């Protein structure tokens, strides 16, 4: 039982490390606000939640998958993505 516990704690440590040190920096275009970011799985897959500043009661989201993602276009607006 100790071996499985060590594996579970190790996986939790890896996920915590990725959440803190490998989190992408998303810069929204003018008129938008980032509401939150959630990591999906153990890789570099993130869900970014955002709202327009004049419609803060509506939340939309997009996915970032992989460190090769440098920008995401939503309509005519571009969110910039920087990886550490």
PDB file of N, CA and C in Angstrom:
ATOM      1  N   UNK A   1       0.822  -1.185   0.000  1.00  0.00           N
ATOM      2  CA  UNK A   1       0.000   0.000   0.000  1.00  0.00           C
ATOM      3  C   UNK A   1       0.871   1.256   0.000  1.00  0.00           C
ATOM      4  N   UNK A   2       2.036   1.190   0.600  1.00  0.00           N
ATOM      5  CA  UNK A   2       2.923   2.341   0.643  1.00  0.00           C
ATOM      6  C   UNK A   2       3.420   2.738  -0.734  1.00  0.00           C
ATOM      7  N   UNK A   3       3.629   1.765  -1.622  1.00  0.00           N
ATOM      8  CA  UNK A   3       4.106   2.049  -2.982  1.00  0.00           C
ATOM      9  C   UNK A   3       3.075   2.859  -3.766  1.00  0.00           C
ATOM     10  N   UNK A   4       1.805   2.458  -3.705  1.00  0.00           N
ATOM     11  CA  UNK A   4       0.751   3.186  -4.419  1.00  0.00           C
ATOM     12  C   UNK A   4       0.569   4.587  -3.848  1.00  0.00           C
ATOM     13  N   UNK A   5       0.723   4.705  -2.554  1.00  0.00           N
ATOM     14  CA  UNK A   5       0.608   6.017  -1.916  1.00  0.00           C
ATOM     15  C   UNK A   5       1.722   6.934  -2.408  1.00  0.00           C
ATOM     16  N   UNK A   6       2.946   6.408  -2.541  1.00  0.00           N
ATOM     17  CA  UNK A   6       4.065   7.201  -3.044  1.00  0.00           C
ATOM     18  C   UNK A   6       3.844   7.637  -4.489  1.00  0.00           C
ATOM     19  N   UNK A   7       3.278   6.766  -5.309  1.00  0.00           N
ATOM     20  CA  UNK A   7       2.979   7.120  -6.698  1.00  0.00           C
ATOM     21  C   UNK A   7       1.936   8.224  -6.753  1.00  0.00           C
ATOM     22  N   UNK A   8       0.893   8.108  -5.944  1.00  0.00           N
ATOM     23  CA  UNK A   8      -0.159   9.126  -5.921  1.00  0.00           C
ATOM     24  C   UNK A   8       0.394  10.474  -5.455  1.00  0.00           C
ATOM     25  N   UNK A   9       1.214  10.466  -4.431  1.00  0.00           N
ATOM     26  CA  UNK A   9       1.809  11.710  -3.943  1.00  0.00           C
ATOM     27  C   UNK A   9       2.770  12.304  -4.971  1.00  0.00           C
ATOM     28  N   UNK A  10       3.493  11.452  -5.688  1.00  0.00           N
ATOM     29  CA  UNK A  10       4.391  11.930  -6.734  1.00  0.00           C
ATOM     30  C   UNK A  10       3.627  12.593  -7.874  1.00  0.00           C
ATOM     31  N   UNK A  11       2.518  11.987  -8.291  1.00  0.00           N
ATOM     32  CA  UNK A  11       1.693  12.574  -9.351  1.00  0.00           C
ATOM     33  C   UNK A  11       1.096  13.904  -8.901  1.00  0.00           C
ATOM     34  N   UNK A  12       0.692  13.986  -7.647  1.00  0.00           N
ATOM     35  CA  UNK A  12       0.162  15.233  -7.110  1.00  0.00           C
ATOM     36  C   UNK A  12       1.237  16.314  -7.085  1.00  0.00           C
ATOM     37  N   UNK A  13       2.463  15.925  -6.753  1.00  0.00           N
ATOM     38  CA  UNK A  13       3.571  16.879  -6.752  1.00  0.00           C
ATOM     39  C   UNK A  13       3.887  17.395  -8.140  1.00  0.00           C
ATOM     40  N   UNK A  14       3.837  16.515  -9.136  1.00  0.00           N
ATOM     41  CA  UNK A  14       4.087  16.926 -10.526  1.00  0.00           C
ATOM     42  C   UNK A  14       3.010  17.895 -10.985  1.00  0.00           C
ATOM     43  N   UNK A  15       1.764  17.607 -10.682  1.00  0.00           N
ATOM     44  CA  UNK A  15       0.662  18.489 -11.085  1.00  0.00           C
ATOM     45  C   UNK A  15       0.793  19.852 -10.415  1.00  0.00           C
ATOM     46  N   UNK A  16       1.152  19.888  -9.143  1.00  0.00           N
ATOM     47  CA  UNK A  16       1.335  21.151  -8.437  1.00  0.00           C
ATOM     48  C   UNK A  16       2.480  21.938  -9.048  1.00  0.00           C
ATOM     49  N   UNK A  17       3.573  21.267  -9.382  1.00  0.00           N
ATOM     50  CA  UNK A  17       4.716  21.923 -10.025  1.00  0.00           C
ATOM     51  C   UNK A  17       4.292  22.548 -11.349  1.00  0.00           C
ATOM     52  N   UNK A  18       3.542  21.800 -12.155  1.00  0.00           N
ATOM     53  CA  UNK A  18       3.108  22.319 -13.451  1.00  0.00           C
ATOM     54  C   UNK A  18       2.152  23.488 -13.296  1.00  0.00           C
ATOM     55  N   UNK A  19       1.278  23.441 -12.291  1.00  0.00           N
ATOM     56  CA  UNK A  19       0.337  24.533 -12.073  1.00  0.00           C
ATOM     57  C   UNK A  19       1.047  25.819 -11.686  1.00  0.00           C
ATOM     58  N   UNK A  20       2.118  25.727 -10.935  1.00  0.00           N
ATOM     59  CA  UNK A  20       2.792  26.911 -10.416  1.00  0.00           C
ATOM     60  C   UNK A  20       3.858  27.428 -11.376  1.00  0.00           C
ATOM     61  N   UNK A  21       4.699  26.548 -11.899  1.00  0.00           N
ATOM     62  CA  UNK A  21       5.873  26.977 -12.650  1.00  0.00           C
ATOM     63  C   UNK A  21       5.725  26.950 -14.171  1.00  0.00           C
ATOM     64  N   UNK A  22       4.782  26.214 -14.704  1.00  0.00           N
ATOM     65  CA  UNK A  22       4.632  26.113 -16.152  1.00  0.00           C
ATOM     66  C   UNK A  22       3.328  26.722 -16.645  1.00  0.00           C
ATOM     67  N   UNK A  23       2.745  27.607 -15.869  1.00  0.00           N
ATOM     68  CA  UNK A  23       1.479  28.230 -16.227  1.00  0.00           C
ATOM     69  C   UNK A  23       1.707  29.271 -17.319  1.00  0.00           C
ATOM     70  N   UNK A  24       0.934  29.221 -18.399  1.00  0.00           N
ATOM     71  CA  UNK A  24       1.119  30.217 -19.454  1.00  0.00           C
ATOM     72  C   UNK A  24       0.629  31.590 -19.003  1.00  0.00           C
ATOM     73  N   UNK A  25       1.199  32.617 -19.594  1.00  0.00           N
ATOM     74  CA  UNK A  25       0.781  33.989 -19.329  1.00  0.00           C
ATOM     75  C   UNK A  25      -0.067  34.417 -20.525  1.00  0.00           C
ATOM     76  N   UNK A  26      -1.338  34.671 -20.284  1.00  0.00           N
ATOM     77  CA  UNK A  26      -2.277  35.036 -21.353  1.00  0.00           C
ATOM     78  C   UNK A  26      -2.570  36.528 -21.235  1.00  0.00           C
ATOM     79  N   UNK A  27      -2.292  37.267 -22.298  1.00  0.00           N
ATOM     80  CA  UNK A  27      -2.544  38.704 -22.336  1.00  0.00           C
ATOM     81  C   UNK A  27      -3.782  38.950 -23.192  1.00  0.00           C
ATOM     82  N   UNK A  28      -4.854  39.450 -22.574  1.00  0.00           N
ATOM     83  CA  UNK A  28      -6.081  39.677 -23.342  1.00  0.00           C
ATOM     84  C   UNK A  28      -6.012  40.967 -24.148  1.00  0.00           C
ATOM     85  N   UNK A  29      -6.778  41.058 -25.223  1.00  0.00           N
ATOM     86  CA  UNK A  29      -6.858  42.315 -25.970  1.00  0.00           C
ATOM     87  C   UNK A  29      -7.665  43.343 -25.173  1.00  0.00           C
ATOM     88  N   UNK A  30      -7.612  44.584 -25.610  1.00  0.00           N
ATOM     89  CA  UNK A  30      -8.343  45.660 -24.938  1.00  0.00           C
ATOM     90  C   UNK A  30      -9.835  45.341 -24.909  1.00  0.00           C
ATOM     91  N   UNK A  31     -10.451  45.477 -23.749  1.00  0.00           N
ATOM     92  CA  UNK A  31     -11.877  45.227 -23.613  1.00  0.00           C
ATOM     93  C   UNK A  31     -12.219  43.850 -23.083  1.00  0.00           C
ATOM     94  N   UNK A  32     -11.209  43.022 -22.798  1.00  0.00           N
ATOM     95  CA  UNK A  32     -11.432  41.683 -22.272  1.00  0.00           C
ATOM     96  C   UNK A  32     -10.737  41.525 -20.921  1.00  0.00           C
ATOM     97  N   UNK A  33     -11.233  40.596 -20.108  1.00  0.00           N
ATOM     98  CA  UNK A  33     -10.621  40.277 -18.819  1.00  0.00           C
ATOM     99  C   UNK A  33     -10.521  38.759 -18.693  1.00  0.00           C
ATOM    100  N   UNK A  34      -9.380  38.290 -18.181  1.00  0.00           N
ATOM    101  CA  UNK A  34      -9.192  36.853 -17.919  1.00  0.00           C
ATOM    102  C   UNK A  34      -9.863  36.540 -16.581  1.00  0.00           C
ATOM    103  N   UNK A  35     -10.754  35.549 -16.574  1.00  0.00           N
ATOM    104  CA  UNK A  35     -11.495  35.187 -15.364  1.00  0.00           C
ATOM    105  C   UNK A  35     -10.855  34.024 -14.617  1.00  0.00           C
ATOM    106  N   UNK A  36     -10.100  33.185 -15.339  1.00  0.00           N
ATOM    107  CA  UNK A  36      -9.472  32.052 -14.679  1.00  0.00           C
ATOM    108  C   UNK A  36      -8.822  31.125 -15.675  1.00  0.00           C
ATOM    109  N   UNK A  37      -7.944  30.266 -15.145  1.00  0.00           N
ATOM    110  CA  UNK A  37      -7.264  29.271 -15.981  1.00  0.00           C
ATOM    111  C   UNK A  37      -7.230  27.959 -15.213  1.00  0.00           C
ATOM    112  N   UNK A  38      -7.577  26.872 -15.896  1.00  0.00           N
ATOM    113  CA  UNK A  38      -7.553  25.532 -15.308  1.00  0.00           C
ATOM    114  C   UNK A  38      -6.710  24.624 -16.165  1.00  0.00           C
ATOM    115  N   UNK A  39      -5.858  23.832 -15.517  1.00  0.00           N
ATOM    116  CA  UNK A  39      -5.060  22.863 -16.244  1.00  0.00           C
ATOM    117  C   UNK A  39      -5.854  21.576 -16.402  1.00  0.00           C
ATOM    118  N   UNK A  40      -5.780  20.979 -17.576  1.00  0.00           N
ATOM    119  CA  UNK A  40      -6.448  19.712 -17.845  1.00  0.00           C
ATOM    120  C   UNK A  40      -5.397  18.636 -18.033  1.00  0.00           C
ATOM    121  N   UNK A  41      -5.402  17.640 -17.186  1.00  0.00           N
ATOM    122  CA  UNK A  41      -4.437  16.553 -17.271  1.00  0.00           C
ATOM    123  C   UNK A  41      -3.077  16.961 -16.750  1.00  0.00           C
ATOM    124  N   UNK A  42      -2.049  16.194 -17.115  1.00  0.00           N
ATOM    125  CA  UNK A  42      -0.691  16.466 -16.644  1.00  0.00           C
ATOM    126  C   UNK A  42       0.160  17.183 -17.675  1.00  0.00           C
ATOM    127  N   UNK A  43      -0.350  17.424 -18.854  1.00  0.00           N
ATOM    128  CA  UNK A  43       0.422  18.076 -19.902  1.00  0.00           C
ATOM    129  C   UNK A  43       0.220  19.579 -19.916  1.00  0.00           C
ATOM    130  N   UNK A  44       0.517  20.167 -21.067  1.00  0.00           N
ATOM    131  CA  UNK A  44       0.408  21.612 -21.235  1.00  0.00           C
ATOM    132  C   UNK A  44      -0.932  21.966 -21.875  1.00  0.00           C
ATOM    133  N   UNK A  45      -2.011  21.426 -21.333  1.00  0.00           N
ATOM    134  CA  UNK A  45      -3.351  21.719 -21.827  1.00  0.00           C
ATOM    135  C   UNK A  45      -4.060  22.574 -20.784  1.00  0.00           C
ATOM    136  N   UNK A  46      -4.517  23.743 -21.218  1.00  0.00           N
ATOM    137  CA  UNK A  46      -5.152  24.693 -20.309  1.00  0.00           C
ATOM    138  C   UNK A  46      -6.466  25.173 -20.896  1.00  0.00           C
ATOM    139  N   UNK A  47      -7.420  25.466 -20.023  1.00  0.00           N
ATOM    140  CA  UNK A  47      -8.674  26.102 -20.402  1.00  0.00           C
ATOM    141  C   UNK A  47      -8.637  27.503 -19.803  1.00  0.00           C
ATOM    142  N   UNK A  48      -8.781  28.520 -20.666  1.00  0.00           N
ATOM    143  CA  UNK A  48      -8.750  29.917 -20.243  1.00  0.00           C
ATOM    144  C   UNK A  48     -10.173  30.462 -20.299  1.00  0.00           C
ATOM    145  N   UNK A  49     -10.644  31.010 -19.178  1.00  0.00           N
ATOM    146  CA  UNK A  49     -11.975  31.604 -19.110  1.00  0.00           C
ATOM    147  C   UNK A  49     -11.824  33.116 -19.170  1.00  0.00           C
ATOM    148  N   UNK A  50     -12.652  33.754 -19.998  1.00  0.00           N
ATOM    149  CA  UNK A  50     -12.553  35.198 -20.183  1.00  0.00           C
ATOM    150  C   UNK A  50     -13.939  35.809 -20.325  1.00  0.00           C
ATOM    151  N   UNK A  51     -14.002  37.118 -20.138  1.00  0.00           N
ATOM    152  CA  UNK A  51     -15.238  37.880 -20.325  1.00  0.00           C
ATOM    153  C   UNK A  51     -14.910  39.206 -20.983  1.00  0.00           C
ATOM    154  N   UNK A  52     -15.896  39.767 -21.652  1.00  0.00           N
ATOM    155  CA  UNK A  52     -15.764  41.137 -22.119  1.00  0.00           C
ATOM    156  C   UNK A  52     -15.982  42.041 -20.906  1.00  0.00           C
ATOM    157  N   UNK A  53     -15.255  43.143 -20.828  1.00  0.00           N
ATOM    158  CA  UNK A  53     -15.336  43.997 -19.640  1.00  0.00           C
ATOM    159  C   UNK A  53     -16.709  44.618 -19.451  1.00  0.00           C
ATOM    160  N   UNK A  54     -17.452  44.822 -20.516  1.00  0.00           N
ATOM    161  CA  UNK A  54     -18.788  45.391 -20.371  1.00  0.00           C
ATOM    162  C   UNK A  54     -19.871  44.321 -20.228  1.00  0.00           C
ATOM    163  N   UNK A  55     -19.471  43.038 -20.226  1.00  0.00           N
ATOM    164  CA  UNK A  55     -20.401  41.923 -20.018  1.00  0.00           C
ATOM    165  C   UNK A  55     -19.777  40.913 -19.062  1.00  0.00           C
ATOM    166  N   UNK A  56     -19.466  41.333 -17.856  1.00  0.00           N
ATOM    167  CA  UNK A  56     -18.765  40.458 -16.912  1.00  0.00           C
ATOM    168  C   UNK A  56     -19.632  39.292 -16.423  1.00  0.00           C
ATOM    169  N   UNK A  57     -20.943  39.350 -16.646  1.00  0.00           N
ATOM    170  CA  UNK A  57     -21.803  38.250 -16.220  1.00  0.00           C
ATOM    171  C   UNK A  57     -21.756  37.073 -17.195  1.00  0.00           C
ATOM    172  N   UNK A  58     -21.161  37.247 -18.383  1.00  0.00           N
ATOM    173  CA  UNK A  58     -21.014  36.165 -19.360  1.00  0.00           C
ATOM    174  C   UNK A  58     -19.558  35.710 -19.397  1.00  0.00           C
ATOM    175  N   UNK A  59     -19.340  34.414 -19.269  1.00  0.00           N
ATOM    176  CA  UNK A  59     -17.992  33.868 -19.306  1.00  0.00           C
ATOM    177  C   UNK A  59     -17.872  32.916 -20.488  1.00  0.00           C
ATOM    178  N   UNK A  60     -16.815  33.097 -21.273  1.00  0.00           N
ATOM    179  CA  UNK A  60     -16.513  32.230 -22.401  1.00  0.00           C
ATOM    180  C   UNK A  60     -15.168  31.557 -22.118  1.00  0.00           C
ATOM    181  N   UNK A  61     -14.818  30.576 -22.914  1.00  0.00           N
ATOM    182  CA  UNK A  61     -13.535  29.894 -22.693  1.00  0.00           C
ATOM    183  C   UNK A  61     -12.945  29.428 -24.017  1.00  0.00           C
ATOM    184  N   UNK A  62     -11.626  29.196 -23.977  1.00  0.00           N
ATOM    185  CA  UNK A  62     -10.928  28.564 -25.088  1.00  0.00           C
ATOM    186  C   UNK A  62      -9.833  27.695 -24.514  1.00  0.00           C
ATOM    187  N   UNK A  63      -9.345  26.769 -25.326  1.00  0.00           N
ATOM    188  CA  UNK A  63      -8.314  25.821 -24.885  1.00  0.00           C
ATOM    189  C   UNK A  63      -6.969  26.161 -25.499  1.00  0.00           C
ATOM    190  N   UNK A  64      -5.941  25.976 -24.699  1.00  0.00           N
ATOM    191  CA  UNK A  64      -4.565  26.081 -25.166  1.00  0.00           C
ATOM    192  C   UNK A  64      -3.973  24.686 -25.015  1.00  0.00           C
ATOM    193  N   UNK A  65      -3.453  24.134 -26.091  1.00  0.00           N
ATOM    194  CA  UNK A  65      -2.862  22.795 -26.003  1.00  0.00           C
ATOM    195  C   UNK A  65      -1.469  22.823 -26.612  1.00  0.00           C
ATOM    196  N   UNK A  66      -0.499  22.767 -25.767  1.00  0.00           N
ATOM    197  CA  UNK A  66       0.880  22.717 -26.217  1.00  0.00           C
ATOM    198  C   UNK A  66       1.577  24.062 -26.173  1.00  0.00           C
ATOM    199  N   UNK A  67       2.876  23.997 -25.959  1.00  0.00           N
ATOM    200  CA  UNK A  67       3.670  25.216 -25.846  1.00  0.00           C
ATOM    201  C   UNK A  67       3.925  25.878 -27.191  1.00  0.00           C
ATOM    202  N   UNK A  68       3.473  25.262 -28.268  1.00  0.00           N
ATOM    203  CA  UNK A  68       3.630  25.887 -29.578  1.00  0.00           C
ATOM    204  C   UNK A  68       2.558  26.951 -29.821  1.00  0.00           C
ATOM    205  N   UNK A  69       1.542  27.012 -28.957  1.00  0.00           N
ATOM    206  CA  UNK A  69       0.486  28.012 -29.091  1.00  0.00           C
ATOM    207  C   UNK A  69       1.021  29.370 -28.644  1.00  0.00           C
ATOM    208  N   UNK A  70       1.024  30.335 -29.539  1.00  0.00           N
ATOM    209  CA  UNK A  70       1.523  31.681 -29.227  1.00  0.00           C
ATOM    210  C   UNK A  70       0.410  32.706 -29.179  1.00  0.00           C
ATOM    211  N   UNK A  71      -0.721  32.428 -29.852  1.00  0.00           N
ATOM    212  CA  UNK A  71      -1.847  33.350 -29.829  1.00  0.00           C
ATOM    213  C   UNK A  71      -3.128  32.586 -30.149  1.00  0.00           C
ATOM    214  N   UNK A  72      -4.239  33.169 -29.714  1.00  0.00           N
ATOM    215  CA  UNK A  72      -5.559  32.603 -29.984  1.00  0.00           C
ATOM    216  C   UNK A  72      -6.441  33.731 -30.487  1.00  0.00           C
ATOM    217  N   UNK A  73      -7.087  33.534 -31.630  1.00  0.00           N
ATOM    218  CA  UNK A  73      -7.961  34.547 -32.204  1.00  0.00           C
ATOM    219  C   UNK A  73      -9.412  34.238 -31.848  1.00  0.00           C
ATOM    220  N   UNK A  74     -10.083  35.240 -31.320  1.00  0.00           N
ATOM    221  CA  UNK A  74     -11.510  35.152 -31.016  1.00  0.00           C
ATOM    222  C   UNK A  74     -12.171  36.285 -31.792  1.00  0.00           C
ATOM    223  N   UNK A  75     -12.870  35.942 -32.848  1.00  0.00           N
ATOM    224  CA  UNK A  75     -13.433  36.978 -33.706  1.00  0.00           C
ATOM    225  C   UNK A  75     -12.272  37.761 -34.347  1.00  0.00           C
ATOM    226  N   UNK A  76     -12.255  39.066 -34.160  1.00  0.00           N
ATOM    227  CA  UNK A  76     -11.161  39.886 -34.679  1.00  0.00           C
ATOM    228  C   UNK A  76     -10.129  40.230 -33.615  1.00  0.00           C
ATOM    229  N   UNK A  77     -10.272  39.676 -32.412  1.00  0.00           N
ATOM    230  CA  UNK A  77      -9.375  39.970 -31.299  1.00  0.00           C
ATOM    231  C   UNK A  77      -8.401  38.822 -31.081  1.00  0.00           C
ATOM    232  N   UNK A  78      -7.177  39.169 -30.631  1.00  0.00           N
ATOM    233  CA  UNK A  78      -6.130  38.171 -30.462  1.00  0.00           C
ATOM    234  C   UNK A  78      -5.640  38.173 -29.017  1.00  0.00           C
ATOM    235  N   UNK A  79      -5.701  36.993 -28.359  1.00  0.00           N
ATOM    236  CA  UNK A  79      -5.122  36.789 -27.044  1.00  0.00           C
ATOM    237  C   UNK A  79      -3.708  36.276 -27.246  1.00  0.00           C
ATOM    238  N   UNK A  80      -2.718  36.915 -26.623  1.00  0.00           N
ATOM    239  CA  UNK A  80      -1.325  36.485 -26.730  1.00  0.00           C
ATOM    240  C   UNK A  80      -0.999  35.512 -25.615  1.00  0.00           C
ATOM    241  N   UNK A  81      -0.250  34.450 -25.938  1.00  0.00           N
ATOM    242  CA  UNK A  81       0.113  33.413 -24.974  1.00  0.00           C
ATOM    243  C   UNK A  81       1.630  33.345 -24.883  1.00  0.00           C
ATOM    244  N   UNK A  82       2.168  33.525 -23.680  1.00  0.00           N
ATOM    245  CA  UNK A  82       3.609  33.386 -23.425  1.00  0.00           C
ATOM    246  C   UNK A  82       3.808  32.253 -22.444  1.00  0.00           C
ATOM    247  N   UNK A  83       4.780  31.398 -22.748  1.00  0.00           N
ATOM    248  CA  UNK A  83       5.102  30.253 -21.880  1.00  0.00           C
ATOM    249  C   UNK A  83       6.410  30.527 -21.142  1.00  0.00           C
ATOM    250  N   UNK A  84       6.498  30.123 -19.882  1.00  0.00           N
ATOM    251  CA  UNK A  84       7.768  30.311 -19.141  1.00  0.00           C
ATOM    252  C   UNK A  84       8.860  29.386 -19.621  1.00  0.00           C
TER     253      UNK A  84
END
